[in-house]
Amino acid sequence: MKWLELLQVAGATLVSAVVLVVLYSLGVRLTAVAADAGNKSPALARSLAYVCFAACGAAVLFGIYLIVPYFSK
């Protein structure tokens, strides 16, 4: 068995999981900030939240693309 390759896959999985969680939680936080009554620019915060959600969705779709053999032919 090739242990170095196993560690590379485990590391890539850990990094991608952390990136997904951070993107999603940042999007949720920015959505809450945009809904705050005292916020001066809710449109900017809401736009950044949508960018975070879109990046999270793109990362998930890319992961599905890598996993499903039908798409990578």
Protein backbone atom coordinates (compact mmCIF):
# COMPACT_ATOMS: atom_id res chain seq x y z
CA MET A 1 0.00 0.00 0.00
CA LYS A 2 1.19 3.50 -0.76
CA TRP A 3 0.92 5.38 2.50
CA LEU A 4 2.00 8.75 1.16
CA GLU A 5 -0.85 8.78 -1.34
CA LEU A 6 -3.29 7.83 1.39
CA LEU A 7 -2.06 10.76 3.48
CA GLN A 8 -2.40 13.10 0.49
CA VAL A 9 -6.02 12.07 -0.02
CA ALA A 10 -6.74 12.44 3.70
CA GLY A 11 -5.13 15.88 3.71
CA ALA A 12 -7.04 17.03 0.63
CA THR A 13 -10.28 15.78 2.18
CA LEU A 14 -9.60 17.61 5.42
CA VAL A 15 -8.69 20.87 3.66
CA SER A 16 -11.71 20.76 1.36
CA ALA A 17 -14.06 20.00 4.26
CA VAL A 18 -12.69 22.94 6.24
CA VAL A 19 -12.99 25.26 3.23
CA LEU A 20 -16.62 24.23 2.67
CA VAL A 21 -17.54 24.76 6.32
CA VAL A 22 -15.82 28.15 6.42
CA LEU A 23 -17.48 29.33 3.21
CA TYR A 24 -20.93 28.25 4.34
CA SER A 25 -20.60 29.68 7.84
CA LEU A 26 -19.25 32.96 6.46
CA GLY A 27 -22.24 33.14 4.12
CA VAL A 28 -24.63 32.55 7.01
CA ARG A 29 -22.85 35.18 9.11
CA LEU A 30 -22.95 37.75 6.33
CA THR A 31 -26.65 37.05 5.81
CA ALA A 32 -27.27 37.73 9.50
CA VAL A 33 -25.21 40.92 9.31
CA ALA A 34 -27.19 42.06 6.28
CA ALA A 35 -30.46 41.54 8.18
CA ASP A 36 -29.22 43.63 11.12
CA ALA A 37 -31.16 46.88 11.45
CA GLY A 38 -28.11 49.01 12.24
CA ASN A 39 -26.11 47.92 9.20
CA LYS A 40 -25.16 50.77 6.88
CA SER A 41 -24.72 48.70 3.72
CA PRO A 42 -26.85 45.54 3.80
CA ALA A 43 -26.61 45.11 0.03
CA LEU A 44 -22.84 44.62 0.18
CA ALA A 45 -23.05 42.07 2.98
CA ARG A 46 -25.85 40.21 1.23
CA SER A 47 -23.91 40.17 -2.05
CA LEU A 48 -20.82 38.78 -0.31
CA ALA A 49 -23.00 36.15 1.37
CA TYR A 50 -24.32 35.07 -2.02
CA VAL A 51 -20.75 34.88 -3.35
CA CYS A 52 -19.81 32.62 -0.43
CA PHE A 53 -22.82 30.38 -1.03
CA ALA A 54 -22.03 30.21 -4.76
CA ALA A 55 -18.40 29.29 -4.08
CA CYS A 56 -19.54 26.60 -1.64
CA GLY A 57 -21.96 25.19 -4.22
CA ALA A 58 -19.28 25.26 -6.92
CA ALA A 59 -16.90 23.35 -4.65
CA VAL A 60 -19.57 20.73 -3.96
CA LEU A 61 -20.34 20.35 -7.66
CA PHE A 62 -16.63 20.02 -8.43
CA GLY A 63 -16.35 17.27 -5.80
CA ILE A 64 -19.27 15.43 -7.37
CA TYR A 65 -17.61 15.85 -10.77
CA LEU A 66 -14.44 14.24 -9.41
CA ILE A 67 -16.24 11.36 -7.70
CA VAL A 68 -18.74 10.30 -10.38
CA PRO A 69 -16.89 8.51 -13.22
CA TYR A 70 -19.59 9.35 -15.78
CA PHE A 71 -18.74 13.05 -15.70
CA SER A 72 -14.96 12.71 -15.96
CA LYS A 73 -14.88 10.75 -19.24
